[in-house]
């Protein structure tokens, strides 16, 4: 199920729609890195080349793959 959230990125609010599972993983990753969800989204935003929602999904997938190899 899609869930829309408002986050602060680059000093302005933006809405992002992601599936619940991706929001949950982003929250887990942020906690593991001892950072806020907004800061994690801003980190992904700075490195992205396309759509922010897609970039966040790919970031989660990449993080999970790296952890599995761990």
PDB file of N, CA and C in Angstrom:
ATOM      1  N   UNK A   1       0.846  -1.183   0.000  1.00  0.00           N
ATOM      2  CA  UNK A   1       0.000   0.000   0.000  1.00  0.00           C
ATOM      3  C   UNK A   1       0.886   1.239   0.000  1.00  0.00           C
ATOM      4  N   UNK A   2       0.516   2.208  -0.825  1.00  0.00           N
ATOM      5  CA  UNK A   2       1.267   3.456  -0.937  1.00  0.00           C
ATOM      6  C   UNK A   2       0.935   4.372   0.227  1.00  0.00           C
ATOM      7  N   UNK A   3       1.959   5.062   0.703  1.00  0.00           N
ATOM      8  CA  UNK A   3       1.773   6.029   1.772  1.00  0.00           C
ATOM      9  C   UNK A   3       2.516   7.299   1.383  1.00  0.00           C
ATOM     10  N   UNK A   4       1.827   8.427   1.440  1.00  0.00           N
ATOM     11  CA  UNK A   4       2.428   9.704   1.104  1.00  0.00           C
ATOM     12  C   UNK A   4       2.863  10.386   2.392  1.00  0.00           C
ATOM     13  N   UNK A   5       4.113  10.874   2.395  1.00  0.00           N
ATOM     14  CA  UNK A   5       4.644  11.600   3.551  1.00  0.00           C
ATOM     15  C   UNK A   5       5.272  12.897   3.084  1.00  0.00           C
ATOM     16  N   UNK A   6       5.242  13.856   3.965  1.00  0.00           N
ATOM     17  CA  UNK A   6       5.894  15.129   3.712  1.00  0.00           C
ATOM     18  C   UNK A   6       7.225  15.128   4.451  1.00  0.00           C
ATOM     19  N   UNK A   7       8.291  15.437   3.738  1.00  0.00           N
ATOM     20  CA  UNK A   7       9.620  15.516   4.336  1.00  0.00           C
ATOM     21  C   UNK A   7      10.265  16.833   3.933  1.00  0.00           C
ATOM     22  N   UNK A   8      11.233  17.249   4.713  1.00  0.00           N
ATOM     23  CA  UNK A   8      11.940  18.494   4.437  1.00  0.00           C
ATOM     24  C   UNK A   8      13.262  18.149   3.757  1.00  0.00           C
ATOM     25  N   UNK A   9      13.424  18.651   2.537  1.00  0.00           N
ATOM     26  CA  UNK A   9      14.622  18.384   1.743  1.00  0.00           C
ATOM     27  C   UNK A   9      15.133  19.706   1.186  1.00  0.00           C
ATOM     28  N   UNK A  10      16.375  20.006   1.454  1.00  0.00           N
ATOM     29  CA  UNK A  10      16.950  21.235   0.908  1.00  0.00           C
ATOM     30  C   UNK A  10      16.227  22.484   1.363  1.00  0.00           C
ATOM     31  N   UNK A  11      15.703  22.456   2.573  1.00  0.00           N
ATOM     32  CA  UNK A  11      15.044  23.637   3.119  1.00  0.00           C
ATOM     33  C   UNK A  11      13.598  23.811   2.717  1.00  0.00           C
ATOM     34  N   UNK A  12      13.043  22.864   1.977  1.00  0.00           N
ATOM     35  CA  UNK A  12      11.623  22.980   1.617  1.00  0.00           C
ATOM     36  C   UNK A  12      10.924  21.636   1.803  1.00  0.00           C
ATOM     37  N   UNK A  13       9.629  21.704   2.039  1.00  0.00           N
ATOM     38  CA  UNK A  13       8.831  20.492   2.212  1.00  0.00           C
ATOM     39  C   UNK A  13       8.480  19.903   0.865  1.00  0.00           C
ATOM     40  N   UNK A  14       8.527  18.588   0.790  1.00  0.00           N
ATOM     41  CA  UNK A  14       8.123  17.883  -0.414  1.00  0.00           C
ATOM     42  C   UNK A  14       7.377  16.614  -0.017  1.00  0.00           C
ATOM     43  N   UNK A  15       6.454  16.200  -0.842  1.00  0.00           N
ATOM     44  CA  UNK A  15       5.696  14.980  -0.579  1.00  0.00           C
ATOM     45  C   UNK A  15       6.289  13.838  -1.387  1.00  0.00           C
ATOM     46  N   UNK A  16       6.406  12.697  -0.723  1.00  0.00           N
ATOM     47  CA  UNK A  16       6.955  11.503  -1.367  1.00  0.00           C
ATOM     48  C   UNK A  16       5.986  10.356  -1.136  1.00  0.00           C
ATOM     49  N   UNK A  17       5.665   9.632  -2.192  1.00  0.00           N
ATOM     50  CA  UNK A  17       4.808   8.449  -2.096  1.00  0.00           C
ATOM     51  C   UNK A  17       5.657   7.198  -2.249  1.00  0.00           C
ATOM     52  N   UNK A  18       5.596   6.345  -1.214  1.00  0.00           N
ATOM     53  CA  UNK A  18       6.299   5.070  -1.231  1.00  0.00           C
ATOM     54  C   UNK A  18       5.434   4.017  -0.561  1.00  0.00           C
ATOM     55  N   UNK A  19       5.691   2.772  -0.876  1.00  0.00           N
ATOM     56  CA  UNK A  19       5.010   1.670  -0.215  1.00  0.00           C
ATOM     57  C   UNK A  19       5.456   1.616   1.252  1.00  0.00           C
ATOM     58  N   UNK A  20       4.562   1.115   2.106  1.00  0.00           N
ATOM     59  CA  UNK A  20       4.840   1.026   3.546  1.00  0.00           C
ATOM     60  C   UNK A  20       6.163   0.313   3.832  1.00  0.00           C
ATOM     61  N   UNK A  21       6.452  -0.740   3.099  1.00  0.00           N
ATOM     62  CA  UNK A  21       7.678  -1.502   3.344  1.00  0.00           C
ATOM     63  C   UNK A  21       8.920  -0.642   3.120  1.00  0.00           C
ATOM     64  N   UNK A  22       8.892   0.236   2.133  1.00  0.00           N
ATOM     65  CA  UNK A  22      10.040   1.106   1.893  1.00  0.00           C
ATOM     66  C   UNK A  22      10.179   2.158   2.989  1.00  0.00           C
ATOM     67  N   UNK A  23       9.052   2.718   3.458  1.00  0.00           N
ATOM     68  CA  UNK A  23       9.117   3.667   4.580  1.00  0.00           C
ATOM     69  C   UNK A  23       9.694   2.987   5.818  1.00  0.00           C
ATOM     70  N   UNK A  24       9.280   1.756   6.059  1.00  0.00           N
ATOM     71  CA  UNK A  24       9.776   1.027   7.225  1.00  0.00           C
ATOM     72  C   UNK A  24      11.287   0.807   7.119  1.00  0.00           C
ATOM     73  N   UNK A  25      11.764   0.408   5.957  1.00  0.00           N
ATOM     74  CA  UNK A  25      13.203   0.179   5.773  1.00  0.00           C
ATOM     75  C   UNK A  25      13.989   1.476   5.849  1.00  0.00           C
ATOM     76  N   UNK A  26      13.454   2.556   5.290  1.00  0.00           N
ATOM     77  CA  UNK A  26      14.137   3.844   5.396  1.00  0.00           C
ATOM     78  C   UNK A  26      14.264   4.265   6.856  1.00  0.00           C
ATOM     79  N   UNK A  27      13.216   4.045   7.633  1.00  0.00           N
ATOM     80  CA  UNK A  27      13.263   4.353   9.055  1.00  0.00           C
ATOM     81  C   UNK A  27      14.308   3.520   9.779  1.00  0.00           C
ATOM     82  N   UNK A  28      14.380   2.245   9.440  1.00  0.00           N
ATOM     83  CA  UNK A  28      15.363   1.345  10.057  1.00  0.00           C
ATOM     84  C   UNK A  28      16.778   1.778   9.701  1.00  0.00           C
ATOM     85  N   UNK A  29      16.986   2.109   8.430  1.00  0.00           N
ATOM     86  CA  UNK A  29      18.317   2.533   7.979  1.00  0.00           C
ATOM     87  C   UNK A  29      18.713   3.833   8.674  1.00  0.00           C
ATOM     88  N   UNK A  30      17.783   4.775   8.782  1.00  0.00           N
ATOM     89  CA  UNK A  30      18.070   6.044   9.455  1.00  0.00           C
ATOM     90  C   UNK A  30      18.469   5.797  10.911  1.00  0.00           C
ATOM     91  N   UNK A  31      17.725   4.934  11.598  1.00  0.00           N
ATOM     92  CA  UNK A  31      18.063   4.626  12.997  1.00  0.00           C
ATOM     93  C   UNK A  31      19.440   3.977  13.102  1.00  0.00           C
ATOM     94  N   UNK A  32      19.738   3.057  12.192  1.00  0.00           N
ATOM     95  CA  UNK A  32      21.033   2.372  12.204  1.00  0.00           C
ATOM     96  C   UNK A  32      22.180   3.356  11.969  1.00  0.00           C
ATOM     97  N   UNK A  33      21.919   4.380  11.179  1.00  0.00           N
ATOM     98  CA  UNK A  33      22.944   5.393  10.887  1.00  0.00           C
ATOM     99  C   UNK A  33      22.910   6.560  11.874  1.00  0.00           C
ATOM    100  N   UNK A  34      22.000   6.455  12.839  1.00  0.00           N
ATOM    101  CA  UNK A  34      21.838   7.503  13.854  1.00  0.00           C
ATOM    102  C   UNK A  34      21.607   8.876  13.228  1.00  0.00           C
ATOM    103  N   UNK A  35      20.666   8.890  12.304  1.00  0.00           N
ATOM    104  CA  UNK A  35      20.296  10.118  11.618  1.00  0.00           C
ATOM    105  C   UNK A  35      18.784  10.184  11.508  1.00  0.00           C
ATOM    106  N   UNK A  36      18.271  11.300  11.094  1.00  0.00           N
ATOM    107  CA  UNK A  36      16.819  11.435  10.929  1.00  0.00           C
ATOM    108  C   UNK A  36      16.409  10.962   9.532  1.00  0.00           C
ATOM    109  N   UNK A  37      15.133  10.676   9.401  1.00  0.00           N
ATOM    110  CA  UNK A  37      14.596  10.291   8.092  1.00  0.00           C
ATOM    111  C   UNK A  37      14.795  11.434   7.099  1.00  0.00           C
ATOM    112  N   UNK A  38      14.543  12.674   7.534  1.00  0.00           N
ATOM    113  CA  UNK A  38      14.729  13.825   6.645  1.00  0.00           C
ATOM    114  C   UNK A  38      16.170  13.922   6.157  1.00  0.00           C
ATOM    115  N   UNK A  39      17.137  13.700   7.053  1.00  0.00           N
ATOM    116  CA  UNK A  39      18.544  13.766   6.657  1.00  0.00           C
ATOM    117  C   UNK A  39      18.901  12.642   5.695  1.00  0.00           C
ATOM    118  N   UNK A  40      18.341  11.466   5.915  1.00  0.00           N
ATOM    119  CA  UNK A  40      18.597  10.343   5.016  1.00  0.00           C
ATOM    120  C   UNK A  40      18.015  10.621   3.628  1.00  0.00           C
ATOM    121  N   UNK A  41      16.798  11.144   3.580  1.00  0.00           N
ATOM    122  CA  UNK A  41      16.177  11.485   2.298  1.00  0.00           C
ATOM    123  C   UNK A  41      16.992  12.568   1.594  1.00  0.00           C
ATOM    124  N   UNK A  42      17.475  13.556   2.341  1.00  0.00           N
ATOM    125  CA  UNK A  42      18.296  14.618   1.752  1.00  0.00           C
ATOM    126  C   UNK A  42      19.587  14.047   1.171  1.00  0.00           C
ATOM    127  N   UNK A  43      20.184  13.064   1.862  1.00  0.00           N
ATOM    128  CA  UNK A  43      21.390  12.401   1.372  1.00  0.00           C
ATOM    129  C   UNK A  43      21.125  11.739   0.023  1.00  0.00           C
ATOM    130  N   UNK A  44      20.023  11.002  -0.067  1.00  0.00           N
ATOM    131  CA  UNK A  44      19.658  10.334  -1.319  1.00  0.00           C
ATOM    132  C   UNK A  44      19.338  11.375  -2.390  1.00  0.00           C
ATOM    133  N   UNK A  45      18.656  12.436  -2.004  1.00  0.00           N
ATOM    134  CA  UNK A  45      18.266  13.491  -2.943  1.00  0.00           C
ATOM    135  C   UNK A  45      19.490  14.125  -3.608  1.00  0.00           C
ATOM    136  N   UNK A  46      20.542  14.346  -2.840  1.00  0.00           N
ATOM    137  CA  UNK A  46      21.752  14.988  -3.390  1.00  0.00           C
ATOM    138  C   UNK A  46      22.430  14.116  -4.446  1.00  0.00           C
ATOM    139  N   UNK A  47      22.307  12.805  -4.320  1.00  0.00           N
ATOM    140  CA  UNK A  47      23.008  11.890  -5.231  1.00  0.00           C
ATOM    141  C   UNK A  47      22.154  11.433  -6.412  1.00  0.00           C
ATOM    142  N   UNK A  48      20.874  11.740  -6.390  1.00  0.00           N
ATOM    143  CA  UNK A  48      19.981  11.167  -7.408  1.00  0.00           C
ATOM    144  C   UNK A  48      20.095  11.883  -8.741  1.00  0.00           C
ATOM    145  N   UNK A  49      19.682  11.148  -9.790  1.00  0.00           N
ATOM    146  CA  UNK A  49      19.625  11.727 -11.128  1.00  0.00           C
ATOM    147  C   UNK A  49      18.204  11.716 -11.671  1.00  0.00           C
ATOM    148  N   UNK A  50      17.317  10.928 -11.072  1.00  0.00           N
ATOM    149  CA  UNK A  50      15.936  10.836 -11.555  1.00  0.00           C
ATOM    150  C   UNK A  50      14.945  11.160 -10.457  1.00  0.00           C
ATOM    151  N   UNK A  51      13.822  10.504 -10.509  1.00  0.00           N
ATOM    152  CA  UNK A  51      12.724  10.678  -9.571  1.00  0.00           C
ATOM    153  C   UNK A  51      13.146  10.322  -8.148  1.00  0.00           C
ATOM    154  N   UNK A  52      12.766  11.149  -7.157  1.00  0.00           N
ATOM    155  CA  UNK A  52      13.171  10.920  -5.773  1.00  0.00           C
ATOM    156  C   UNK A  52      12.590   9.623  -5.216  1.00  0.00           C
ATOM    157  N   UNK A  53      11.339   9.325  -5.480  1.00  0.00           N
ATOM    158  CA  UNK A  53      10.747   8.080  -4.983  1.00  0.00           C
ATOM    159  C   UNK A  53      11.500   6.869  -5.520  1.00  0.00           C
ATOM    160  N   UNK A  54      11.820   6.888  -6.788  1.00  0.00           N
ATOM    161  CA  UNK A  54      12.588   5.781  -7.383  1.00  0.00           C
ATOM    162  C   UNK A  54      13.978   5.707  -6.782  1.00  0.00           C
ATOM    163  N   UNK A  55      14.614   6.840  -6.577  1.00  0.00           N
ATOM    164  CA  UNK A  55      15.953   6.869  -5.985  1.00  0.00           C
ATOM    165  C   UNK A  55      15.929   6.291  -4.575  1.00  0.00           C
ATOM    166  N   UNK A  56      14.884   6.577  -3.812  1.00  0.00           N
ATOM    167  CA  UNK A  56      14.774   6.033  -2.463  1.00  0.00           C
ATOM    168  C   UNK A  56      14.581   4.522  -2.486  1.00  0.00           C
ATOM    169  N   UNK A  57      13.767   4.029  -3.408  1.00  0.00           N
ATOM    170  CA  UNK A  57      13.587   2.575  -3.534  1.00  0.00           C
ATOM    171  C   UNK A  57      14.911   1.895  -3.870  1.00  0.00           C
ATOM    172  N   UNK A  58      15.652   2.471  -4.808  1.00  0.00           N
ATOM    173  CA  UNK A  58      16.935   1.891  -5.199  1.00  0.00           C
ATOM    174  C   UNK A  58      17.947   1.966  -4.061  1.00  0.00           C
ATOM    175  N   UNK A  59      17.911   3.045  -3.287  1.00  0.00           N
ATOM    176  CA  UNK A  59      18.792   3.177  -2.129  1.00  0.00           C
ATOM    177  C   UNK A  59      18.505   2.077  -1.110  1.00  0.00           C
ATOM    178  N   UNK A  60      17.235   1.829  -0.838  1.00  0.00           N
ATOM    179  CA  UNK A  60      16.859   0.765   0.098  1.00  0.00           C
ATOM    180  C   UNK A  60      17.328  -0.578  -0.435  1.00  0.00           C
ATOM    181  N   UNK A  61      17.076  -0.861  -1.697  1.00  0.00           N
ATOM    182  CA  UNK A  61      17.491  -2.132  -2.293  1.00  0.00           C
ATOM    183  C   UNK A  61      19.005  -2.302  -2.210  1.00  0.00           C
ATOM    184  N   UNK A  62      19.748  -1.267  -2.554  1.00  0.00           N
ATOM    185  CA  UNK A  62      21.196  -1.326  -2.500  1.00  0.00           C
ATOM    186  C   UNK A  62      21.686  -1.548  -1.066  1.00  0.00           C
ATOM    187  N   UNK A  63      21.083  -0.856  -0.113  1.00  0.00           N
ATOM    188  CA  UNK A  63      21.461  -1.013   1.296  1.00  0.00           C
ATOM    189  C   UNK A  63      21.220  -2.438   1.771  1.00  0.00           C
ATOM    190  N   UNK A  64      20.060  -2.993   1.433  1.00  0.00           N
ATOM    191  CA  UNK A  64      19.742  -4.366   1.839  1.00  0.00           C
ATOM    192  C   UNK A  64      20.711  -5.369   1.215  1.00  0.00           C
ATOM    193  N   UNK A  65      21.084  -5.149  -0.027  1.00  0.00           N
ATOM    194  CA  UNK A  65      22.040  -6.040  -0.698  1.00  0.00           C
ATOM    195  C   UNK A  65      23.403  -5.975  -0.036  1.00  0.00           C
ATOM    196  N   UNK A  66      23.846  -4.755   0.330  1.00  0.00           N
ATOM    197  CA  UNK A  66      25.144  -4.593   1.000  1.00  0.00           C
ATOM    198  C   UNK A  66      25.136  -5.254   2.367  1.00  0.00           C
ATOM    199  N   UNK A  67      24.034  -5.116   3.090  1.00  0.00           N
ATOM    200  CA  UNK A  67      23.910  -5.733   4.415  1.00  0.00           C
ATOM    201  C   UNK A  67      23.937  -7.262   4.310  1.00  0.00           C
ATOM    202  N   UNK A  68      23.308  -7.781   3.281  1.00  0.00           N
ATOM    203  CA  UNK A  68      23.263  -9.236   3.100  1.00  0.00           C
ATOM    204  C   UNK A  68      24.657  -9.799   2.833  1.00  0.00           C
ATOM    205  N   UNK A  69      25.454  -9.045   2.059  1.00  0.00           N
ATOM    206  CA  UNK A  69      26.820  -9.479   1.762  1.00  0.00           C
ATOM    207  C   UNK A  69      27.700  -9.396   2.994  1.00  0.00           C
ATOM    208  N   UNK A  70      27.373  -8.431   3.880  1.00  0.00           N
ATOM    209  CA  UNK A  70      28.047  -8.055   5.066  1.00  0.00           C
ATOM    210  C   UNK A  70      28.987  -8.843   5.745  1.00  0.00           C
TER     211      UNK A  70
END
